[in-house]
Amino acid sequence: MVGLSLLRPAMVLSPLAAGLGTVLLLAQASSAEPAIRAEYLCSGSGETLQATALFFPEDPRQVVLIVEGQAVRLPQARSASGARYSSLGQEFWVKGREASWIRTPAQAEQPLTCVVVPPAR
């Protein structure tokens, strides 16, 4: 199982460092290009955020979620319905054009609700 990789704010010294950290995380995620890139608008528990999801379908199957210059990698987990990615208390569960996202174990009762943002035309 691939562990959780997280760029914490304390580790980000500058926008350049944030960008380099994200690049390194993406390089760790897979040498192949992601099959799907999706932009999500997530809300709940008094917060709203935009997230980019990069889905890697080849082994190890995983998603990289990027929010405000920080990236997190979650490996795919078993799911009876949809695609579920989970590690160390975080969970991103995709069903169609919607997803639920538990960013911390404390959010388990009220996950963020995410919807795909259509590309600009």
PDB file of N, CA and C in Angstrom:
ATOM      1  N   MET A   1       0.841  -1.173   0.000  1.00  0.00           N
ATOM      2  CA  MET A   1       0.000   0.000   0.000  1.00  0.00           C
ATOM      3  C   MET A   1       0.886   1.236   0.000  1.00  0.00           C
ATOM      4  N   VAL A   2       0.559   2.188  -0.836  1.00  0.00           N
ATOM      5  CA  VAL A   2       1.296   3.435  -0.911  1.00  0.00           C
ATOM      6  C   VAL A   2       0.836   4.314   0.222  1.00  0.00           C
ATOM      7  N   GLY A   3       1.759   4.913   0.962  1.00  0.00           N
ATOM      8  CA  GLY A   3       1.402   5.773   2.085  1.00  0.00           C
ATOM      9  C   GLY A   3       0.985   7.153   1.628  1.00  0.00           C
ATOM     10  N   LEU A   4       0.552   7.927   2.559  1.00  0.00           N
ATOM     11  CA  LEU A   4       0.087   9.280   2.302  1.00  0.00           C
ATOM     12  C   LEU A   4       1.286  10.203   2.206  1.00  0.00           C
ATOM     13  N   SER A   5       1.346  11.003   1.177  1.00  0.00           N
ATOM     14  CA  SER A   5       2.370  12.032   1.054  1.00  0.00           C
ATOM     15  C   SER A   5       1.676  13.368   1.158  1.00  0.00           C
ATOM     16  N   LEU A   6       2.134  14.209   2.052  1.00  0.00           N
ATOM     17  CA  LEU A   6       1.460  15.477   2.284  1.00  0.00           C
ATOM     18  C   LEU A   6       2.489  16.578   2.380  1.00  0.00           C
ATOM     19  N   LEU A   7       2.275  17.666   1.667  1.00  0.00           N
ATOM     20  CA  LEU A   7       3.114  18.844   1.790  1.00  0.00           C
ATOM     21  C   LEU A   7       2.443  19.743   2.804  1.00  0.00           C
ATOM     22  N   ARG A   8       3.018  19.885   3.965  1.00  0.00           N
ATOM     23  CA  ARG A   8       2.425  20.684   5.031  1.00  0.00           C
ATOM     24  C   ARG A   8       2.817  22.147   4.851  1.00  0.00           C
ATOM     25  N   PRO A   9       1.957  23.103   5.308  1.00  0.00           N
ATOM     26  CA  PRO A   9       2.280  24.519   5.161  1.00  0.00           C
ATOM     27  C   PRO A   9       3.636  24.875   5.760  1.00  0.00           C
ATOM     28  N   ALA A  10       4.019  24.244   6.857  1.00  0.00           N
ATOM     29  CA  ALA A  10       5.299  24.551   7.483  1.00  0.00           C
ATOM     30  C   ALA A  10       6.467  24.190   6.579  1.00  0.00           C
ATOM     31  N   MET A  11       6.245  23.257   5.658  1.00  0.00           N
ATOM     32  CA  MET A  11       7.303  22.837   4.753  1.00  0.00           C
ATOM     33  C   MET A  11       7.394  23.741   3.531  1.00  0.00           C
ATOM     34  N   VAL A  12       6.370  24.541   3.283  1.00  0.00           N
ATOM     35  CA  VAL A  12       6.328  25.383   2.100  1.00  0.00           C
ATOM     36  C   VAL A  12       6.923  26.740   2.455  1.00  0.00           C
ATOM     37  N   LEU A  13       8.092  27.024   1.917  1.00  0.00           N
ATOM     38  CA  LEU A  13       8.787  28.259   2.235  1.00  0.00           C
ATOM     39  C   LEU A  13       8.456  29.388   1.279  1.00  0.00           C
ATOM     40  N   SER A  14       8.052  29.052   0.078  1.00  0.00           N
ATOM     41  CA  SER A  14       7.745  30.071  -0.919  1.00  0.00           C
ATOM     42  C   SER A  14       6.847  29.444  -1.971  1.00  0.00           C
ATOM     43  N   PRO A  15       6.237  30.276  -2.832  1.00  0.00           N
ATOM     44  CA  PRO A  15       5.457  29.695  -3.925  1.00  0.00           C
ATOM     45  C   PRO A  15       6.295  28.760  -4.794  1.00  0.00           C
ATOM     46  N   LEU A  16       7.573  29.092  -4.984  1.00  0.00           N
ATOM     47  CA  LEU A  16       8.452  28.225  -5.768  1.00  0.00           C
ATOM     48  C   LEU A  16       8.613  26.875  -5.083  1.00  0.00           C
ATOM     49  N   ALA A  17       8.832  26.893  -3.775  1.00  0.00           N
ATOM     50  CA  ALA A  17       8.972  25.641  -3.037  1.00  0.00           C
ATOM     51  C   ALA A  17       7.691  24.826  -3.111  1.00  0.00           C
ATOM     52  N   ALA A  18       6.543  25.484  -3.036  1.00  0.00           N
ATOM     53  CA  ALA A  18       5.258  24.771  -3.139  1.00  0.00           C
ATOM     54  C   ALA A  18       5.150  24.104  -4.499  1.00  0.00           C
ATOM     55  N   GLY A  19       5.519  24.818  -5.538  1.00  0.00           N
ATOM     56  CA  GLY A  19       5.456  24.254  -6.884  1.00  0.00           C
ATOM     57  C   GLY A  19       6.397  23.078  -7.050  1.00  0.00           C
ATOM     58  N   LEU A  20       7.614  23.210  -6.518  1.00  0.00           N
ATOM     59  CA  LEU A  20       8.577  22.118  -6.615  1.00  0.00           C
ATOM     60  C   LEU A  20       8.111  20.909  -5.822  1.00  0.00           C
ATOM     61  N   GLY A  21       7.520  21.144  -4.649  1.00  0.00           N
ATOM     62  CA  GLY A  21       7.000  20.040  -3.840  1.00  0.00           C
ATOM     63  C   GLY A  21       5.904  19.296  -4.562  1.00  0.00           C
ATOM     64  N   THR A  22       5.016  20.032  -5.215  1.00  0.00           N
ATOM     65  CA  THR A  22       3.936  19.400  -5.970  1.00  0.00           C
ATOM     66  C   THR A  22       4.506  18.595  -7.128  1.00  0.00           C
ATOM     67  N   VAL A  23       5.508  19.137  -7.809  1.00  0.00           N
ATOM     68  CA  VAL A  23       6.141  18.420  -8.916  1.00  0.00           C
ATOM     69  C   VAL A  23       6.772  17.130  -8.415  1.00  0.00           C
ATOM     70  N   LEU A  24       7.460  17.184  -7.273  1.00  0.00           N
ATOM     71  CA  LEU A  24       8.072  15.975  -6.734  1.00  0.00           C
ATOM     72  C   LEU A  24       7.024  14.938  -6.362  1.00  0.00           C
ATOM     73  N   LEU A  25       5.919  15.382  -5.770  1.00  0.00           N
ATOM     74  CA  LEU A  25       4.858  14.450  -5.408  1.00  0.00           C
ATOM     75  C   LEU A  25       4.259  13.813  -6.646  1.00  0.00           C
ATOM     76  N   LEU A  26       4.047  14.599  -7.685  1.00  0.00           N
ATOM     77  CA  LEU A  26       3.490  14.047  -8.917  1.00  0.00           C
ATOM     78  C   LEU A  26       4.454  13.057  -9.549  1.00  0.00           C
ATOM     79  N   ALA A  27       5.743  13.323  -9.458  1.00  0.00           N
ATOM     80  CA  ALA A  27       6.724  12.388  -9.995  1.00  0.00           C
ATOM     81  C   ALA A  27       6.684  11.076  -9.227  1.00  0.00           C
ATOM     82  N   GLN A  28       6.466  11.154  -7.900  1.00  0.00           N
ATOM     83  CA  GLN A  28       6.346   9.941  -7.102  1.00  0.00           C
ATOM     84  C   GLN A  28       5.074   9.184  -7.444  1.00  0.00           C
ATOM     85  N   ALA A  29       4.006   9.904  -7.798  1.00  0.00           N
ATOM     86  CA  ALA A  29       2.702   9.280  -8.030  1.00  0.00           C
ATOM     87  C   ALA A  29       2.768   8.292  -9.180  1.00  0.00           C
ATOM     88  N   SER A  30       3.398   8.688 -10.252  1.00  0.00           N
ATOM     89  CA  SER A  30       3.441   7.799 -11.412  1.00  0.00           C
ATOM     90  C   SER A  30       4.319   8.415 -12.472  1.00  0.00           C
ATOM     91  N   SER A  31       4.978   7.564 -13.227  1.00  0.00           N
ATOM     92  CA  SER A  31       5.756   8.084 -14.343  1.00  0.00           C
ATOM     93  C   SER A  31       4.859   8.303 -15.550  1.00  0.00           C
ATOM     94  N   ALA A  32       3.649   7.731 -15.526  1.00  0.00           N
ATOM     95  CA  ALA A  32       2.705   7.892 -16.631  1.00  0.00           C
ATOM     96  C   ALA A  32       1.845   9.129 -16.411  1.00  0.00           C
ATOM     97  N   GLU A  33       1.307   9.625 -17.496  1.00  0.00           N
ATOM     98  CA  GLU A  33       0.384  10.754 -17.405  1.00  0.00           C
ATOM     99  C   GLU A  33      -0.919  10.282 -16.771  1.00  0.00           C
ATOM    100  N   PRO A  34      -1.579  11.164 -15.997  1.00  0.00           N
ATOM    101  CA  PRO A  34      -2.873  10.765 -15.450  1.00  0.00           C
ATOM    102  C   PRO A  34      -3.880  10.584 -16.579  1.00  0.00           C
ATOM    103  N   ALA A  35      -4.754   9.597 -16.438  1.00  0.00           N
ATOM    104  CA  ALA A  35      -5.770   9.356 -17.461  1.00  0.00           C
ATOM    105  C   ALA A  35      -6.853  10.413 -17.383  1.00  0.00           C
ATOM    106  N   ILE A  36      -7.120  10.897 -16.171  1.00  0.00           N
ATOM    107  CA  ILE A  36      -8.197  11.868 -15.987  1.00  0.00           C
ATOM    108  C   ILE A  36      -7.723  12.986 -15.077  1.00  0.00           C
ATOM    109  N   ARG A  37      -8.023  14.209 -15.483  1.00  0.00           N
ATOM    110  CA  ARG A  37      -7.799  15.386 -14.644  1.00  0.00           C
ATOM    111  C   ARG A  37      -9.161  16.032 -14.473  1.00  0.00           C
ATOM    112  N   ALA A  38      -9.546  16.288 -13.242  1.00  0.00           N
ATOM    113  CA  ALA A  38     -10.850  16.889 -12.976  1.00  0.00           C
ATOM    114  C   ALA A  38     -10.703  18.016 -11.968  1.00  0.00           C
ATOM    115  N   GLU A  39     -11.459  19.074 -12.193  1.00  0.00           N
ATOM    116  CA  GLU A  39     -11.512  20.196 -11.256  1.00  0.00           C
ATOM    117  C   GLU A  39     -12.788  20.049 -10.439  1.00  0.00           C
ATOM    118  N   TYR A  40     -12.666  20.146  -9.118  1.00  0.00           N
ATOM    119  CA  TYR A  40     -13.809  20.012  -8.223  1.00  0.00           C
ATOM    120  C   TYR A  40     -14.001  21.289  -7.418  1.00  0.00           C
ATOM    121  N   LEU A  41     -15.253  21.611  -7.129  1.00  0.00           N
ATOM    122  CA  LEU A  41     -15.610  22.651  -6.169  1.00  0.00           C
ATOM    123  C   LEU A  41     -16.178  21.912  -4.972  1.00  0.00           C
ATOM    124  N   CYS A  42     -15.532  22.074  -3.815  1.00  0.00           N
ATOM    125  CA  CYS A  42     -15.909  21.333  -2.611  1.00  0.00           C
ATOM    126  C   CYS A  42     -16.392  22.299  -1.538  1.00  0.00           C
ATOM    127  N   SER A  43     -17.422  21.888  -0.809  1.00  0.00           N
ATOM    128  CA  SER A  43     -17.938  22.735   0.267  1.00  0.00           C
ATOM    129  C   SER A  43     -18.504  21.874   1.383  1.00  0.00           C
ATOM    130  N   GLY A  44     -18.573  22.494   2.556  1.00  0.00           N
ATOM    131  CA  GLY A  44     -19.112  21.834   3.738  1.00  0.00           C
ATOM    132  C   GLY A  44     -18.372  22.290   4.967  1.00  0.00           C
ATOM    133  N   SER A  45     -19.010  22.151   6.114  1.00  0.00           N
ATOM    134  CA  SER A  45     -18.406  22.541   7.396  1.00  0.00           C
ATOM    135  C   SER A  45     -17.871  23.968   7.365  1.00  0.00           C
ATOM    136  N   GLY A  46     -18.566  24.857   6.663  1.00  0.00           N
ATOM    137  CA  GLY A  46     -18.172  26.264   6.641  1.00  0.00           C
ATOM    138  C   GLY A  46     -16.999  26.600   5.748  1.00  0.00           C
ATOM    139  N   GLU A  47     -16.541  25.679   4.930  1.00  0.00           N
ATOM    140  CA  GLU A  47     -15.433  25.993   4.020  1.00  0.00           C
ATOM    141  C   GLU A  47     -15.798  25.634   2.589  1.00  0.00           C
ATOM    142  N   THR A  48     -15.205  26.382   1.666  1.00  0.00           N
ATOM    143  CA  THR A  48     -15.355  26.119   0.238  1.00  0.00           C
ATOM    144  C   THR A  48     -13.963  26.161  -0.365  1.00  0.00           C
ATOM    145  N   LEU A  49     -13.649  25.184  -1.196  1.00  0.00           N
ATOM    146  CA  LEU A  49     -12.328  25.168  -1.823  1.00  0.00           C
ATOM    147  C   LEU A  49     -12.414  24.530  -3.191  1.00  0.00           C
ATOM    148  N   GLN A  50     -11.421  24.865  -4.020  1.00  0.00           N
ATOM    149  CA  GLN A  50     -11.289  24.245  -5.338  1.00  0.00           C
ATOM    150  C   GLN A  50     -10.149  23.251  -5.263  1.00  0.00           C
ATOM    151  N   ALA A  51     -10.358  22.095  -5.873  1.00  0.00           N
ATOM    152  CA  ALA A  51      -9.335  21.055  -5.868  1.00  0.00           C
ATOM    153  C   ALA A  51      -9.160  20.505  -7.277  1.00  0.00           C
ATOM    154  N   THR A  52      -7.920  20.201  -7.610  1.00  0.00           N
ATOM    155  CA  THR A  52      -7.615  19.503  -8.855  1.00  0.00           C
ATOM    156  C   THR A  52      -7.329  18.058  -8.491  1.00  0.00           C
ATOM    157  N   ALA A  53      -7.985  17.140  -9.176  1.00  0.00           N
ATOM    158  CA  ALA A  53      -7.765  15.712  -8.944  1.00  0.00           C
ATOM    159  C   ALA A  53      -7.109  15.109 -10.179  1.00  0.00           C
ATOM    160  N   LEU A  54      -5.998  14.436  -9.964  1.00  0.00           N
ATOM    161  CA  LEU A  54      -5.295  13.722 -11.026  1.00  0.00           C
ATOM    162  C   LEU A  54      -5.426  12.238 -10.720  1.00  0.00           C
ATOM    163  N   PHE A  55      -6.150  11.525 -11.573  1.00  0.00           N
ATOM    164  CA  PHE A  55      -6.407  10.105 -11.362  1.00  0.00           C
ATOM    165  C   PHE A  55      -5.423   9.283 -12.178  1.00  0.00           C
ATOM    166  N   PHE A  56      -4.717   8.365 -11.512  1.00  0.00           N
ATOM    167  CA  PHE A  56      -3.758   7.474 -12.154  1.00  0.00           C
ATOM    168  C   PHE A  56      -4.340   6.062 -12.132  1.00  0.00           C
ATOM    169  N   PRO A  57      -4.739   5.510 -13.298  1.00  0.00           N
ATOM    170  CA  PRO A  57      -5.425   4.223 -13.332  1.00  0.00           C
ATOM    171  C   PRO A  57      -4.507   2.998 -13.304  1.00  0.00           C
ATOM    172  N   GLU A  58      -3.216   3.194 -13.521  1.00  0.00           N
ATOM    173  CA  GLU A  58      -2.303   2.049 -13.544  1.00  0.00           C
ATOM    174  C   GLU A  58      -1.793   1.764 -12.140  1.00  0.00           C
ATOM    175  N   ASP A  59      -1.387   0.517 -11.903  1.00  0.00           N
ATOM    176  CA  ASP A  59      -0.896   0.135 -10.579  1.00  0.00           C
ATOM    177  C   ASP A  59       0.350   0.916 -10.232  1.00  0.00           C
ATOM    178  N   PRO A  60       0.432   1.475  -9.039  1.00  0.00           N
ATOM    179  CA  PRO A  60      -0.638   1.480  -8.051  1.00  0.00           C
ATOM    180  C   PRO A  60      -1.683   2.551  -8.389  1.00  0.00           C
ATOM    181  N   ARG A  61      -2.940   2.164  -8.416  1.00  0.00           N
ATOM    182  CA  ARG A  61      -4.028   3.105  -8.712  1.00  0.00           C
ATOM    183  C   ARG A  61      -4.134   4.104  -7.572  1.00  0.00           C
ATOM    184  N   GLN A  62      -4.233   5.391  -7.946  1.00  0.00           N
ATOM    185  CA  GLN A  62      -4.232   6.445  -6.938  1.00  0.00           C
ATOM    186  C   GLN A  62      -4.777   7.740  -7.505  1.00  0.00           C
ATOM    187  N   VAL A  63      -5.015   8.684  -6.602  1.00  0.00           N
ATOM    188  CA  VAL A  63      -5.406  10.032  -6.984  1.00  0.00           C
ATOM    189  C   VAL A  63      -4.464  10.992  -6.267  1.00  0.00           C
ATOM    190  N   VAL A  64      -4.102  12.065  -6.947  1.00  0.00           N
ATOM    191  CA  VAL A  64      -3.364  13.158  -6.327  1.00  0.00           C
ATOM    192  C   VAL A  64      -4.314  14.343  -6.312  1.00  0.00           C
ATOM    193  N   LEU A  65      -4.574  14.875  -5.113  1.00  0.00           N
ATOM    194  CA  LEU A  65      -5.455  16.029  -4.941  1.00  0.00           C
ATOM    195  C   LEU A  65      -4.591  17.242  -4.646  1.00  0.00           C
ATOM    196  N   ILE A  66      -4.812  18.329  -5.393  1.00  0.00           N
ATOM    197  CA  ILE A  66      -4.026  19.549  -5.225  1.00  0.00           C
ATOM    198  C   ILE A  66      -4.963  20.672  -4.822  1.00  0.00           C
ATOM    199  N   VAL A  67      -4.676  21.284  -3.665  1.00  0.00           N
ATOM    200  CA  VAL A  67      -5.471  22.396  -3.141  1.00  0.00           C
ATOM    201  C   VAL A  67      -4.508  23.459  -2.633  1.00  0.00           C
ATOM    202  N   GLU A  68      -4.628  24.675  -3.152  1.00  0.00           N
ATOM    203  CA  GLU A  68      -3.833  25.820  -2.702  1.00  0.00           C
ATOM    204  C   GLU A  68      -2.340  25.499  -2.618  1.00  0.00           C
ATOM    205  N   GLY A  69      -1.811  24.865  -3.643  1.00  0.00           N
ATOM    206  CA  GLY A  69      -0.383  24.583  -3.697  1.00  0.00           C
ATOM    207  C   GLY A  69       0.060  23.386  -2.873  1.00  0.00           C
ATOM    208  N   GLN A  70      -0.854  22.739  -2.187  1.00  0.00           N
ATOM    209  CA  GLN A  70      -0.519  21.555  -1.404  1.00  0.00           C
ATOM    210  C   GLN A  70      -1.101  20.336  -2.104  1.00  0.00           C
ATOM    211  N   ALA A  71      -0.387  19.241  -2.049  1.00  0.00           N
ATOM    212  CA  ALA A  71      -0.830  18.023  -2.728  1.00  0.00           C
ATOM    213  C   ALA A  71      -0.861  16.861  -1.748  1.00  0.00           C
ATOM    214  N   VAL A  72      -1.820  15.988  -1.968  1.00  0.00           N
ATOM    215  CA  VAL A  72      -1.924  14.770  -1.170  1.00  0.00           C
ATOM    216  C   VAL A  72      -2.180  13.606  -2.125  1.00  0.00           C
ATOM    217  N   ARG A  73      -1.531  12.495  -1.859  1.00  0.00           N
ATOM    218  CA  ARG A  73      -1.688  11.305  -2.696  1.00  0.00           C
ATOM    219  C   ARG A  73      -2.423  10.250  -1.882  1.00  0.00           C
ATOM    220  N   LEU A  74      -3.491   9.703  -2.466  1.00  0.00           N
ATOM    221  CA  LEU A  74      -4.268   8.666  -1.797  1.00  0.00           C
ATOM    222  C   LEU A  74      -4.350   7.436  -2.699  1.00  0.00           C
ATOM    223  N   PRO A  75      -4.023   6.256  -2.185  1.00  0.00           N
ATOM    224  CA  PRO A  75      -4.145   5.035  -2.979  1.00  0.00           C
ATOM    225  C   PRO A  75      -5.601   4.594  -3.068  1.00  0.00           C
ATOM    226  N   GLN A  76      -5.927   3.869  -4.133  1.00  0.00           N
ATOM    227  CA  GLN A  76      -7.290   3.373  -4.290  1.00  0.00           C
ATOM    228  C   GLN A  76      -7.554   2.280  -3.258  1.00  0.00           C
ATOM    229  N   ALA A  77      -8.777   2.292  -2.713  1.00  0.00           N
ATOM    230  CA  ALA A  77      -9.205   1.301  -1.723  1.00  0.00           C
ATOM    231  C   ALA A  77     -10.428   0.569  -2.261  1.00  0.00           C
ATOM    232  N   ARG A  78     -10.790  -0.522  -1.622  1.00  0.00           N
ATOM    233  CA  ARG A  78     -11.974  -1.277  -2.047  1.00  0.00           C
ATOM    234  C   ARG A  78     -13.223  -0.431  -1.902  1.00  0.00           C
ATOM    235  N   SER A  79     -14.137  -0.644  -2.853  1.00  0.00           N
ATOM    236  CA  SER A  79     -15.391   0.098  -2.856  1.00  0.00           C
ATOM    237  C   SER A  79     -16.461  -0.751  -3.524  1.00  0.00           C
ATOM    238  N   ALA A  80     -17.649  -0.762  -2.938  1.00  0.00           N
ATOM    239  CA  ALA A  80     -18.760  -1.478  -3.558  1.00  0.00           C
ATOM    240  C   ALA A  80     -19.370  -0.649  -4.681  1.00  0.00           C
ATOM    241  N   SER A  81     -19.191   0.664  -4.607  1.00  0.00           N
ATOM    242  CA  SER A  81     -19.766   1.570  -5.604  1.00  0.00           C
ATOM    243  C   SER A  81     -18.863   2.780  -5.759  1.00  0.00           C
ATOM    244  N   GLY A  82     -18.613   3.196  -6.983  1.00  0.00           N
ATOM    245  CA  GLY A  82     -17.755   4.351  -7.219  1.00  0.00           C
ATOM    246  C   GLY A  82     -16.289   3.984  -7.063  1.00  0.00           C
ATOM    247  N   ALA A  83     -15.445   5.003  -6.965  1.00  0.00           N
ATOM    248  CA  ALA A  83     -14.008   4.816  -6.765  1.00  0.00           C
ATOM    249  C   ALA A  83     -13.632   5.489  -5.458  1.00  0.00           C
ATOM    250  N   ARG A  84     -13.009   4.738  -4.560  1.00  0.00           N
ATOM    251  CA  ARG A  84     -12.656   5.260  -3.243  1.00  0.00           C
ATOM    252  C   ARG A  84     -11.140   5.247  -3.101  1.00  0.00           C
ATOM    253  N   TYR A  85     -10.604   6.348  -2.596  1.00  0.00           N
ATOM    254  CA  TYR A  85      -9.174   6.504  -2.354  1.00  0.00           C
ATOM    255  C   TYR A  85      -9.022   6.873  -0.888  1.00  0.00           C
ATOM    256  N   SER A  86      -8.132   6.183  -0.164  1.00  0.00           N
ATOM    257  CA  SER A  86      -8.101   6.379   1.280  1.00  0.00           C
ATOM    258  C   SER A  86      -6.733   6.056   1.861  1.00  0.00           C
ATOM    259  N   SER A  87      -6.347   6.839   2.884  1.00  0.00           N
ATOM    260  CA  SER A  87      -5.128   6.571   3.638  1.00  0.00           C
ATOM    261  C   SER A  87      -5.071   7.487   4.853  1.00  0.00           C
ATOM    262  N   LEU A  88      -4.691   6.935   5.983  1.00  0.00           N
ATOM    263  CA  LEU A  88      -4.424   7.691   7.207  1.00  0.00           C
ATOM    264  C   LEU A  88      -5.521   8.703   7.563  1.00  0.00           C
ATOM    265  N   GLY A  89      -6.762   8.277   7.517  1.00  0.00           N
ATOM    266  CA  GLY A  89      -7.863   9.142   7.929  1.00  0.00           C
ATOM    267  C   GLY A  89      -8.430  10.029   6.845  1.00  0.00           C
ATOM    268  N   GLN A  90      -7.784  10.102   5.702  1.00  0.00           N
ATOM    269  CA  GLN A  90      -8.330  10.875   4.577  1.00  0.00           C
ATOM    270  C   GLN A  90      -9.036   9.922   3.628  1.00  0.00           C
ATOM    271  N   GLU A  91     -10.117  10.422   3.011  1.00  0.00           N
ATOM    272  CA  GLU A  91     -10.847   9.603   2.048  1.00  0.00           C
ATOM    273  C   GLU A  91     -11.463  10.502   0.987  1.00  0.00           C
ATOM    274  N   PHE A  92     -11.302  10.108  -0.267  1.00  0.00           N
ATOM    275  CA  PHE A  92     -11.913  10.798  -1.406  1.00  0.00           C
ATOM    276  C   PHE A  92     -12.691   9.734  -2.156  1.00  0.00           C
ATOM    277  N   TRP A  93     -14.024   9.858  -2.170  1.00  0.00           N
ATOM    278  CA  TRP A  93     -14.901   8.834  -2.732  1.00  0.00           C
ATOM    279  C   TRP A  93     -15.688   9.440  -3.872  1.00  0.00           C
ATOM    280  N   VAL A  94     -15.412   8.973  -5.089  1.00  0.00           N
ATOM    281  CA  VAL A  94     -16.004   9.519  -6.309  1.00  0.00           C
ATOM    282  C   VAL A  94     -17.142   8.622  -6.773  1.00  0.00           C
ATOM    283  N   LYS A  95     -18.275   9.258  -7.072  1.00  0.00           N
ATOM    284  CA  LYS A  95     -19.427   8.558  -7.659  1.00  0.00           C
ATOM    285  C   LYS A  95     -19.972   9.464  -8.750  1.00  0.00           C
ATOM    286  N   GLY A  96     -19.690   9.116  -9.998  1.00  0.00           N
ATOM    287  CA  GLY A  96     -20.135   9.949 -11.116  1.00  0.00           C
ATOM    288  C   GLY A  96     -19.416  11.285 -11.117  1.00  0.00           C
ATOM    289  N   ARG A  97     -20.175  12.384 -11.142  1.00  0.00           N
ATOM    290  CA  ARG A  97     -19.597  13.731 -11.185  1.00  0.00           C
ATOM    291  C   ARG A  97     -19.497  14.356  -9.800  1.00  0.00           C
ATOM    292  N   GLU A  98     -19.748  13.564  -8.760  1.00  0.00           N
ATOM    293  CA  GLU A  98     -19.694  14.057  -7.386  1.00  0.00           C
ATOM    294  C   GLU A  98     -18.706  13.230  -6.575  1.00  0.00           C
ATOM    295  N   ALA A  99     -18.252  13.816  -5.471  1.00  0.00           N
ATOM    296  CA  ALA A  99     -17.339  13.110  -4.575  1.00  0.00           C
ATOM    297  C   ALA A  99     -17.573  13.599  -3.154  1.00  0.00           C
ATOM    298  N   SER A 100     -17.222  12.765  -2.202  1.00  0.00           N
ATOM    299  CA  SER A 100     -17.176  13.211  -0.809  1.00  0.00           C
ATOM    300  C   SER A 100     -15.713  13.138  -0.391  1.00  0.00           C
ATOM    301  N   TRP A 101     -15.305  14.086   0.446  1.00  0.00           N
ATOM    302  CA  TRP A 101     -13.897  14.174   0.830  1.00  0.00           C
ATOM    303  C   TRP A 101     -13.797  14.390   2.327  1.00  0.00           C
ATOM    304  N   ILE A 102     -13.194  13.439   2.991  1.00  0.00           N
ATOM    305  CA  ILE A 102     -12.870  13.568   4.407  1.00  0.00           C
ATOM    306  C   ILE A 102     -11.393  13.934   4.457  1.00  0.00           C
ATOM    307  N   ARG A 103     -11.098  15.180   4.827  1.00  0.00           N
ATOM    308  CA  ARG A 103      -9.706  15.647   4.844  1.00  0.00           C
ATOM    309  C   ARG A 103      -9.004  15.323   6.154  1.00  0.00           C
ATOM    310  N   THR A 104      -9.771  15.204   7.238  1.00  0.00           N
ATOM    311  CA  THR A 104      -9.211  14.858   8.543  1.00  0.00           C
ATOM    312  C   THR A 104     -10.159  13.878   9.219  1.00  0.00           C
ATOM    313  N   PRO A 105      -9.658  13.042  10.137  1.00  0.00           N
ATOM    314  CA  PRO A 105     -10.552  12.124  10.840  1.00  0.00           C
ATOM    315  C   PRO A 105     -11.698  12.851  11.553  1.00  0.00           C
ATOM    316  N   ALA A 106     -11.476  14.082  12.009  1.00  0.00           N
ATOM    317  CA  ALA A 106     -12.525  14.849  12.690  1.00  0.00           C
ATOM    318  C   ALA A 106     -13.677  15.196  11.749  1.00  0.00           C
ATOM    319  N   GLN A 107     -13.437  15.169  10.443  1.00  0.00           N
ATOM    320  CA  GLN A 107     -14.469  15.490   9.447  1.00  0.00           C
ATOM    321  C   GLN A 107     -15.301  14.280   9.045  1.00  0.00           C
ATOM    322  N   ALA A 108     -15.056  13.120   9.624  1.00  0.00           N
ATOM    323  CA  ALA A 108     -15.703  11.886   9.175  1.00  0.00           C
ATOM    324  C   ALA A 108     -17.226  11.972   9.197  1.00  0.00           C
ATOM    325  N   GLU A 109     -17.788  12.695  10.154  1.00  0.00           N
ATOM    326  CA  GLU A 109     -19.246  12.818  10.247  1.00  0.00           C
ATOM    327  C   GLU A 109     -19.810  13.807   9.237  1.00  0.00           C
ATOM    328  N   GLN A 110     -18.999  14.781   8.804  1.00  0.00           N
ATOM    329  CA  GLN A 110     -19.456  15.797   7.856  1.00  0.00           C
ATOM    330  C   GLN A 110     -18.403  16.028   6.778  1.00  0.00           C
ATOM    331  N   PRO A 111     -18.284  15.101   5.830  1.00  0.00           N
ATOM    332  CA  PRO A 111     -17.285  15.282   4.767  1.00  0.00           C
ATOM    333  C   PRO A 111     -17.655  16.440   3.847  1.00  0.00           C
ATOM    334  N   LEU A 112     -16.664  16.943   3.158  1.00  0.00           N
ATOM    335  CA  LEU A 112     -16.920  17.942   2.126  1.00  0.00           C
ATOM    336  C   LEU A 112     -17.659  17.271   0.979  1.00  0.00           C
ATOM    337  N   THR A 113     -18.554  18.006   0.342  1.00  0.00           N
ATOM    338  CA  THR A 113     -19.244  17.534  -0.851  1.00  0.00           C
ATOM    339  C   THR A 113     -18.614  18.233  -2.040  1.00  0.00           C
ATOM    340  N   CYS A 114     -18.168  17.464  -3.020  1.00  0.00           N
ATOM    341  CA  CYS A 114     -17.464  18.014  -4.177  1.00  0.00           C
ATOM    342  C   CYS A 114     -18.235  17.708  -5.458  1.00  0.00           C
ATOM    343  N   VAL A 115     -18.247  18.674  -6.369  1.00  0.00           N
ATOM    344  CA  VAL A 115     -18.862  18.476  -7.683  1.00  0.00           C
ATOM    345  C   VAL A 115     -17.853  18.884  -8.752  1.00  0.00           C
ATOM    346  N   VAL A 116     -17.889  18.186  -9.877  1.00  0.00           N
ATOM    347  CA  VAL A 116     -16.987  18.499 -10.980  1.00  0.00           C
ATOM    348  C   VAL A 116     -17.368  19.848 -11.568  1.00  0.00           C
ATOM    349  N   VAL A 117     -16.366  20.696 -11.784  1.00  0.00           N
ATOM    350  CA  VAL A 117     -16.565  21.988 -12.427  1.00  0.00           C
ATOM    351  C   VAL A 117     -16.345  21.778 -13.918  1.00  0.00           C
ATOM    352  N   PRO A 118     -17.359  22.063 -14.750  1.00  0.00           N
ATOM    353  CA  PRO A 118     -17.179  21.881 -16.192  1.00  0.00           C
ATOM    354  C   PRO A 118     -16.070  22.788 -16.719  1.00  0.00           C
ATOM    355  N   PRO A 119     -15.309  22.333 -17.718  1.00  0.00           N
ATOM    356  CA  PRO A 119     -14.259  23.170 -18.295  1.00  0.00           C
ATOM    357  C   PRO A 119     -14.851  24.427 -18.930  1.00  0.00           C
ATOM    358  N   ALA A 120     -14.105  25.523 -18.847  1.00  0.00           N
ATOM    359  CA  ALA A 120     -14.547  26.775 -19.479  1.00  0.00           C
ATOM    360  C   ALA A 120     -14.536  26.604 -20.989  1.00  0.00           C
ATOM    361  N   ARG A 121     -15.492  27.208 -21.638  1.00  0.00           N
ATOM    362  CA  ARG A 121     -15.577  27.092 -23.105  1.00  0.00           C
ATOM    363  C   ARG A 121     -15.126  28.348 -23.765  1.00  0.00           C
TER     364      ARG A 121
END
